[in-house]
Amino acid sequence: MFVLIVGAGRVGSAVAKSALAAGYEVSVLDEDPLSHERLDAGQQKSWEDSGGEFTLGTALEVDALIQAGVERADVFIASTDGDNTNLIIAQIAQKRFGVPKVIVRVMDPARAAWYREQGLQTISPTQHAVEMFQSAMQPEKT
């Protein structure tokens, strides 16, 4: 299975390393050349020597997505730090390139719900945190 992850921040790089360790073919696209360091951090071999791919480019540019492998992706993960960017590139992956599984991080829970209704698989860390706090506030059962 080929996984394309856009955004190599803390989340994207951790997911990329985990997917590579699980035996997936993984490509990461990020516009920051220093983000590559997160992929190498704590590893015995470099990201590329471990089998990973890294493309330096802007995800809103279709050429960068193609260079990173969007045309052959089985899974596309949008994990940049911007909701708008994530939602746009997720829709491009889904509608233009027909990626079978598109997962998008959306900080705004209301927007995440709406895009989920449009067929995108959304993950909202904000909503998850709200639910965790609500659960933690409940009195403990004895």
N, C-alpha and C. Protein backbone atom coordinates (compact mmCIF):
# COMPACT_ATOMS: atom_id res chain seq x y z
N MET A 1 0.85 -1.17 0.00
CA MET A 1 0.00 0.00 0.00
C MET A 1 0.89 1.23 0.00
N PHE A 2 0.53 2.21 -0.84
CA PHE A 2 1.29 3.45 -0.96
C PHE A 2 0.55 4.57 -0.25
N VAL A 3 1.23 5.21 0.71
CA VAL A 3 0.64 6.27 1.52
C VAL A 3 1.38 7.57 1.22
N LEU A 4 0.61 8.61 0.89
CA LEU A 4 1.18 9.95 0.69
C LEU A 4 0.70 10.83 1.83
N ILE A 5 1.66 11.38 2.55
CA ILE A 5 1.37 12.26 3.69
C ILE A 5 1.86 13.66 3.35
N VAL A 6 0.96 14.62 3.43
CA VAL A 6 1.34 16.01 3.18
C VAL A 6 1.41 16.72 4.52
N GLY A 7 2.59 17.21 4.84
CA GLY A 7 2.83 17.88 6.12
C GLY A 7 3.69 16.99 7.00
N ALA A 8 4.92 17.40 7.24
CA ALA A 8 5.85 16.61 8.06
C ALA A 8 6.11 17.28 9.39
N GLY A 9 5.05 17.81 10.00
CA GLY A 9 5.17 18.35 11.35
C GLY A 9 5.21 17.19 12.34
N ARG A 10 4.88 17.46 13.59
CA ARG A 10 4.91 16.40 14.61
C ARG A 10 3.97 15.26 14.26
N VAL A 11 2.77 15.59 13.82
CA VAL A 11 1.79 14.55 13.50
C VAL A 11 2.18 13.81 12.22
N GLY A 12 2.38 14.54 11.15
CA GLY A 12 2.68 13.91 9.87
C GLY A 12 3.92 13.04 9.90
N SER A 13 4.98 13.53 10.54
CA SER A 13 6.22 12.75 10.59
C SER A 13 6.05 11.50 11.45
N ALA A 14 5.31 11.60 12.55
CA ALA A 14 5.08 10.43 13.40
C ALA A 14 4.25 9.37 12.67
N VAL A 15 3.22 9.81 11.95
CA VAL A 15 2.40 8.88 11.18
C VAL A 15 3.24 8.26 10.06
N ALA A 16 4.07 9.05 9.41
CA ALA A 16 4.92 8.55 8.33
C ALA A 16 5.87 7.47 8.84
N LYS A 17 6.53 7.72 9.97
CA LYS A 17 7.46 6.74 10.53
C LYS A 17 6.73 5.46 10.91
N SER A 18 5.57 5.62 11.51
CA SER A 18 4.77 4.47 11.92
C SER A 18 4.34 3.64 10.71
N ALA A 19 3.89 4.31 9.65
CA ALA A 19 3.45 3.60 8.45
C ALA A 19 4.62 2.88 7.78
N LEU A 20 5.77 3.53 7.73
CA LEU A 20 6.95 2.91 7.13
C LEU A 20 7.36 1.68 7.94
N ALA A 21 7.35 1.80 9.26
CA ALA A 21 7.70 0.67 10.13
C ALA A 21 6.71 -0.48 9.98
N ALA A 22 5.46 -0.17 9.63
CA ALA A 22 4.44 -1.20 9.45
C ALA A 22 4.53 -1.86 8.07
N GLY A 23 5.46 -1.39 7.25
CA GLY A 23 5.67 -2.01 5.96
C GLY A 23 5.02 -1.33 4.78
N TYR A 24 4.42 -0.17 5.00
CA TYR A 24 3.82 0.57 3.89
C TYR A 24 4.90 1.31 3.11
N GLU A 25 4.61 1.60 1.87
CA GLU A 25 5.44 2.47 1.07
C GLU A 25 4.96 3.89 1.38
N VAL A 26 5.86 4.77 1.80
CA VAL A 26 5.45 6.08 2.31
C VAL A 26 6.20 7.20 1.61
N SER A 27 5.44 8.18 1.17
CA SER A 27 5.99 9.40 0.59
C SER A 27 5.48 10.57 1.41
N VAL A 28 6.37 11.52 1.68
CA VAL A 28 6.00 12.71 2.44
C VAL A 28 6.29 13.94 1.59
N LEU A 29 5.35 14.86 1.59
CA LEU A 29 5.49 16.14 0.88
C LEU A 29 5.41 17.27 1.89
N ASP A 30 6.40 18.16 1.87
CA ASP A 30 6.37 19.31 2.77
C ASP A 30 7.12 20.45 2.09
N GLU A 31 6.71 21.69 2.40
CA GLU A 31 7.35 22.86 1.80
C GLU A 31 8.56 23.35 2.57
N ASP A 32 8.77 22.81 3.78
CA ASP A 32 9.88 23.24 4.63
C ASP A 32 11.02 22.21 4.54
N PRO A 33 12.17 22.60 4.01
CA PRO A 33 13.26 21.63 3.90
C PRO A 33 13.72 21.09 5.25
N LEU A 34 13.54 21.86 6.31
CA LEU A 34 13.96 21.39 7.64
C LEU A 34 13.03 20.32 8.20
N SER A 35 11.83 20.19 7.64
CA SER A 35 10.90 19.18 8.14
C SER A 35 11.43 17.77 7.91
N HIS A 36 12.33 17.61 6.97
CA HIS A 36 12.92 16.30 6.70
C HIS A 36 13.65 15.77 7.93
N GLU A 37 14.18 16.69 8.73
CA GLU A 37 14.91 16.29 9.94
C GLU A 37 14.02 15.49 10.89
N ARG A 38 12.72 15.80 10.93
CA ARG A 38 11.80 15.06 11.81
C ARG A 38 11.68 13.61 11.37
N LEU A 39 11.80 13.38 10.07
CA LEU A 39 11.70 12.00 9.56
C LEU A 39 12.95 11.19 9.91
N ASP A 40 14.09 11.85 9.99
CA ASP A 40 15.34 11.17 10.34
C ASP A 40 15.53 11.03 11.85
N ALA A 41 14.92 11.91 12.62
CA ALA A 41 15.14 11.95 14.07
C ALA A 41 14.81 10.61 14.74
N GLY A 42 15.76 10.13 15.54
CA GLY A 42 15.54 8.92 16.31
C GLY A 42 15.61 7.63 15.50
N GLN A 43 15.99 7.74 14.23
CA GLN A 43 16.07 6.56 13.37
C GLN A 43 17.53 6.12 13.23
N GLN A 44 17.72 4.83 13.03
CA GLN A 44 19.08 4.31 12.83
C GLN A 44 19.61 4.65 11.44
N LYS A 45 18.69 4.70 10.47
CA LYS A 45 19.06 5.04 9.10
C LYS A 45 18.29 6.28 8.68
N SER A 46 18.74 6.90 7.60
CA SER A 46 18.02 8.07 7.11
C SER A 46 16.65 7.64 6.60
N TRP A 47 15.76 8.61 6.44
CA TRP A 47 14.40 8.34 5.94
C TRP A 47 14.47 7.60 4.61
N GLU A 48 15.27 8.10 3.68
CA GLU A 48 15.38 7.47 2.36
C GLU A 48 16.04 6.10 2.44
N ASP A 49 17.08 5.95 3.27
CA ASP A 49 17.73 4.65 3.41
C ASP A 49 16.78 3.61 4.04
N SER A 50 15.79 4.09 4.75
CA SER A 50 14.79 3.20 5.33
C SER A 50 13.68 2.86 4.33
N GLY A 51 13.70 3.53 3.17
CA GLY A 51 12.71 3.24 2.14
C GLY A 51 11.68 4.33 1.94
N GLY A 52 11.74 5.39 2.74
CA GLY A 52 10.79 6.49 2.61
C GLY A 52 11.16 7.43 1.47
N GLU A 53 10.17 8.17 1.00
CA GLU A 53 10.38 9.19 -0.03
C GLU A 53 10.05 10.55 0.58
N PHE A 54 10.75 11.57 0.13
CA PHE A 54 10.48 12.94 0.59
C PHE A 54 10.52 13.87 -0.61
N THR A 55 9.49 14.68 -0.73
CA THR A 55 9.42 15.67 -1.80
C THR A 55 9.30 17.04 -1.17
N LEU A 56 10.15 17.94 -1.59
CA LEU A 56 10.08 19.33 -1.14
C LEU A 56 9.20 20.08 -2.12
N GLY A 57 8.09 20.64 -1.63
CA GLY A 57 7.21 21.38 -2.51
C GLY A 57 5.96 21.83 -1.79
N THR A 58 5.18 22.63 -2.50
CA THR A 58 3.94 23.17 -1.96
C THR A 58 2.78 22.30 -2.40
N ALA A 59 2.02 21.81 -1.45
CA ALA A 59 0.94 20.86 -1.73
C ALA A 59 -0.17 21.45 -2.58
N LEU A 60 -0.32 22.75 -2.59
CA LEU A 60 -1.35 23.36 -3.42
C LEU A 60 -0.97 23.40 -4.89
N GLU A 61 0.26 23.01 -5.20
CA GLU A 61 0.71 22.92 -6.58
C GLU A 61 0.58 21.48 -7.04
N VAL A 62 -0.24 21.26 -8.04
CA VAL A 62 -0.52 19.92 -8.52
C VAL A 62 0.77 19.19 -8.93
N ASP A 63 1.72 19.90 -9.51
CA ASP A 63 2.98 19.27 -9.91
C ASP A 63 3.71 18.66 -8.71
N ALA A 64 3.67 19.33 -7.57
CA ALA A 64 4.32 18.81 -6.36
C ALA A 64 3.59 17.54 -5.89
N LEU A 65 2.26 17.55 -5.93
CA LEU A 65 1.50 16.37 -5.54
C LEU A 65 1.83 15.19 -6.47
N ILE A 66 1.93 15.47 -7.75
CA ILE A 66 2.26 14.41 -8.71
C ILE A 66 3.67 13.88 -8.47
N GLN A 67 4.60 14.79 -8.24
CA GLN A 67 5.99 14.37 -7.96
C GLN A 67 6.06 13.50 -6.71
N ALA A 68 5.22 13.80 -5.72
CA ALA A 68 5.21 13.03 -4.47
C ALA A 68 4.47 11.70 -4.61
N GLY A 69 3.74 11.52 -5.71
CA GLY A 69 3.11 10.23 -5.95
C GLY A 69 1.61 10.15 -5.80
N VAL A 70 0.90 11.27 -5.84
CA VAL A 70 -0.55 11.26 -5.62
C VAL A 70 -1.28 10.36 -6.61
N GLU A 71 -0.74 10.23 -7.82
CA GLU A 71 -1.43 9.44 -8.85
C GLU A 71 -1.46 7.94 -8.53
N ARG A 72 -0.57 7.49 -7.66
CA ARG A 72 -0.57 6.07 -7.31
C ARG A 72 -0.89 5.82 -5.84
N ALA A 73 -1.31 6.86 -5.13
CA ALA A 73 -1.59 6.73 -3.70
C ALA A 73 -2.84 5.89 -3.44
N ASP A 74 -2.72 5.01 -2.46
CA ASP A 74 -3.87 4.26 -1.95
C ASP A 74 -4.50 5.02 -0.79
N VAL A 75 -3.65 5.74 -0.07
CA VAL A 75 -4.09 6.55 1.07
C VAL A 75 -3.43 7.91 0.96
N PHE A 76 -4.21 8.96 1.20
CA PHE A 76 -3.71 10.33 1.18
C PHE A 76 -4.04 10.94 2.53
N ILE A 77 -3.03 11.48 3.21
CA ILE A 77 -3.24 12.10 4.52
C ILE A 77 -2.83 13.56 4.43
N ALA A 78 -3.77 14.46 4.72
CA ALA A 78 -3.50 15.90 4.73
C ALA A 78 -3.31 16.33 6.18
N SER A 79 -2.06 16.61 6.55
CA SER A 79 -1.78 16.95 7.95
C SER A 79 -0.91 18.19 8.08
N THR A 80 -1.17 19.18 7.24
CA THR A 80 -0.45 20.45 7.40
C THR A 80 -1.06 21.19 8.59
N ASP A 81 -0.51 22.36 8.90
CA ASP A 81 -1.05 23.12 10.04
C ASP A 81 -2.17 24.06 9.64
N GLY A 82 -2.66 23.93 8.40
CA GLY A 82 -3.73 24.82 7.95
C GLY A 82 -4.97 24.07 7.50
N ASP A 83 -6.10 24.36 8.11
CA ASP A 83 -7.36 23.71 7.71
C ASP A 83 -7.67 23.93 6.24
N ASN A 84 -7.56 25.17 5.77
CA ASN A 84 -7.90 25.45 4.38
C ASN A 84 -7.04 24.65 3.41
N THR A 85 -5.75 24.63 3.66
CA THR A 85 -4.84 23.85 2.80
C THR A 85 -5.22 22.38 2.85
N ASN A 86 -5.42 21.86 4.04
CA ASN A 86 -5.76 20.43 4.18
C ASN A 86 -7.04 20.09 3.42
N LEU A 87 -8.05 20.92 3.55
CA LEU A 87 -9.33 20.64 2.91
C LEU A 87 -9.23 20.72 1.39
N ILE A 88 -8.49 21.69 0.89
CA ILE A 88 -8.34 21.82 -0.56
C ILE A 88 -7.56 20.65 -1.14
N ILE A 89 -6.42 20.32 -0.54
CA ILE A 89 -5.61 19.24 -1.11
C ILE A 89 -6.30 17.89 -0.95
N ALA A 90 -7.07 17.72 0.11
CA ALA A 90 -7.81 16.47 0.29
C ALA A 90 -8.85 16.31 -0.82
N GLN A 91 -9.53 17.39 -1.15
CA GLN A 91 -10.52 17.33 -2.23
C GLN A 91 -9.85 17.09 -3.58
N ILE A 92 -8.67 17.67 -3.79
CA ILE A 92 -7.94 17.43 -5.03
C ILE A 92 -7.57 15.95 -5.13
N ALA A 93 -7.06 15.40 -4.04
CA ALA A 93 -6.68 13.98 -4.03
C ALA A 93 -7.89 13.09 -4.29
N GLN A 94 -9.01 13.43 -3.66
CA GLN A 94 -10.21 12.62 -3.79
C GLN A 94 -10.86 12.76 -5.16
N LYS A 95 -11.10 13.98 -5.60
CA LYS A 95 -11.88 14.22 -6.81
C LYS A 95 -11.06 14.19 -8.09
N ARG A 96 -9.89 14.80 -8.10
CA ARG A 96 -9.10 14.85 -9.33
C ARG A 96 -8.30 13.57 -9.55
N PHE A 97 -7.73 13.03 -8.44
CA PHE A 97 -6.85 11.88 -8.61
C PHE A 97 -7.49 10.56 -8.18
N GLY A 98 -8.67 10.61 -7.61
CA GLY A 98 -9.39 9.39 -7.27
C GLY A 98 -8.71 8.52 -6.22
N VAL A 99 -8.00 9.15 -5.28
CA VAL A 99 -7.35 8.37 -4.22
C VAL A 99 -8.45 7.69 -3.40
N PRO A 100 -8.36 6.37 -3.22
CA PRO A 100 -9.43 5.63 -2.55
C PRO A 100 -9.70 6.05 -1.10
N LYS A 101 -8.66 6.34 -0.35
CA LYS A 101 -8.85 6.71 1.06
C LYS A 101 -8.15 8.03 1.31
N VAL A 102 -8.94 9.06 1.66
CA VAL A 102 -8.41 10.39 1.92
C VAL A 102 -8.76 10.75 3.35
N ILE A 103 -7.73 11.09 4.13
CA ILE A 103 -7.91 11.43 5.54
C ILE A 103 -7.38 12.84 5.74
N VAL A 104 -8.17 13.69 6.39
CA VAL A 104 -7.79 15.09 6.51
C VAL A 104 -7.92 15.57 7.95
N ARG A 105 -6.89 16.24 8.43
CA ARG A 105 -6.92 16.84 9.77
C ARG A 105 -7.55 18.21 9.66
N VAL A 106 -8.59 18.44 10.48
CA VAL A 106 -9.31 19.71 10.49
C VAL A 106 -9.46 20.14 11.95
N MET A 107 -8.88 21.27 12.28
CA MET A 107 -8.93 21.74 13.67
C MET A 107 -10.33 22.20 14.08
N ASP A 108 -11.07 22.81 13.17
CA ASP A 108 -12.40 23.35 13.46
C ASP A 108 -13.43 22.21 13.41
N PRO A 109 -14.01 21.83 14.57
CA PRO A 109 -14.94 20.70 14.60
C PRO A 109 -16.16 20.87 13.70
N ALA A 110 -16.69 22.09 13.57
CA ALA A 110 -17.87 22.30 12.72
C ALA A 110 -17.52 22.05 11.25
N ARG A 111 -16.38 22.55 10.83
CA ARG A 111 -15.95 22.32 9.45
C ARG A 111 -15.65 20.84 9.22
N ALA A 112 -15.07 20.19 10.22
CA ALA A 112 -14.77 18.76 10.08
C ALA A 112 -16.05 17.97 9.86
N ALA A 113 -17.09 18.30 10.60
CA ALA A 113 -18.37 17.60 10.45
C ALA A 113 -18.96 17.82 9.07
N TRP A 114 -18.90 19.04 8.57
CA TRP A 114 -19.46 19.34 7.25
C TRP A 114 -18.70 18.59 6.16
N TYR A 115 -17.37 18.60 6.22
CA TYR A 115 -16.58 17.91 5.20
C TYR A 115 -16.74 16.40 5.31
N ARG A 116 -16.95 15.90 6.51
CA ARG A 116 -17.23 14.47 6.68
C ARG A 116 -18.50 14.11 5.92
N GLU A 117 -19.50 14.98 5.99
CA GLU A 117 -20.75 14.76 5.26
C GLU A 117 -20.53 14.78 3.75
N GLN A 118 -19.47 15.45 3.29
CA GLN A 118 -19.16 15.52 1.87
C GLN A 118 -18.31 14.33 1.41
N GLY A 119 -18.01 13.42 2.31
CA GLY A 119 -17.29 12.21 1.93
C GLY A 119 -15.82 12.15 2.29
N LEU A 120 -15.31 13.17 2.98
CA LEU A 120 -13.92 13.11 3.42
C LEU A 120 -13.86 12.50 4.82
N GLN A 121 -12.85 11.67 5.05
CA GLN A 121 -12.64 11.15 6.39
C GLN A 121 -11.87 12.22 7.16
N THR A 122 -12.49 12.79 8.18
CA THR A 122 -11.86 13.89 8.91
C THR A 122 -11.45 13.46 10.31
N ILE A 123 -10.39 14.07 10.76
CA ILE A 123 -9.93 13.90 12.13
C ILE A 123 -9.81 15.31 12.70
N SER A 124 -10.51 15.55 13.81
CA SER A 124 -10.47 16.86 14.43
C SER A 124 -9.84 16.76 15.81
N PRO A 125 -8.55 17.12 15.94
CA PRO A 125 -7.91 17.08 17.26
C PRO A 125 -8.64 17.95 18.28
N THR A 126 -9.22 19.05 17.84
CA THR A 126 -9.95 19.92 18.76
C THR A 126 -11.16 19.20 19.32
N GLN A 127 -11.93 18.56 18.45
CA GLN A 127 -13.11 17.82 18.90
C GLN A 127 -12.69 16.67 19.83
N HIS A 128 -11.62 16.01 19.48
CA HIS A 128 -11.12 14.92 20.33
C HIS A 128 -10.74 15.44 21.72
N ALA A 129 -10.08 16.59 21.77
CA ALA A 129 -9.70 17.18 23.06
C ALA A 129 -10.93 17.56 23.87
N VAL A 130 -11.94 18.13 23.21
CA VAL A 130 -13.18 18.49 23.91
C VAL A 130 -13.80 17.24 24.53
N GLU A 131 -13.89 16.18 23.76
CA GLU A 131 -14.48 14.94 24.26
C GLU A 131 -13.67 14.36 25.42
N MET A 132 -12.36 14.46 25.35
CA MET A 132 -11.51 13.95 26.43
C MET A 132 -11.71 14.77 27.71
N PHE A 133 -11.79 16.10 27.57
CA PHE A 133 -12.03 16.95 28.74
C PHE A 133 -13.40 16.67 29.34
N GLN A 134 -14.41 16.53 28.49
CA GLN A 134 -15.75 16.24 28.99
C GLN A 134 -15.76 14.92 29.76
N SER A 135 -15.09 13.93 29.23
CA SER A 135 -15.01 12.64 29.89
C SER A 135 -14.24 12.74 31.21
N ALA A 136 -13.14 13.49 31.21
CA ALA A 136 -12.32 13.63 32.41
C ALA A 136 -13.04 14.38 33.52
N MET A 137 -14.00 15.25 33.17
CA MET A 137 -14.73 16.01 34.17
C MET A 137 -15.78 15.16 34.90
N GLN A 138 -16.17 14.06 34.29
CA GLN A 138 -17.21 13.23 34.90
C GLN A 138 -16.74 12.67 36.22
N PRO A 139 -17.64 12.59 37.19
CA PRO A 139 -17.26 12.01 38.48
C PRO A 139 -16.85 10.55 38.28
N GLU A 140 -15.85 10.16 39.03
CA GLU A 140 -15.40 8.77 38.92
C GLU A 140 -16.42 7.86 39.59
N LYS A 141 -16.65 6.74 38.95
CA LYS A 141 -17.61 5.76 39.48
C LYS A 141 -16.89 4.84 40.45
N THR A 142 -17.54 4.62 41.57
CA THR A 142 -16.91 3.73 42.57
C THR A 142 -17.65 2.44 42.72
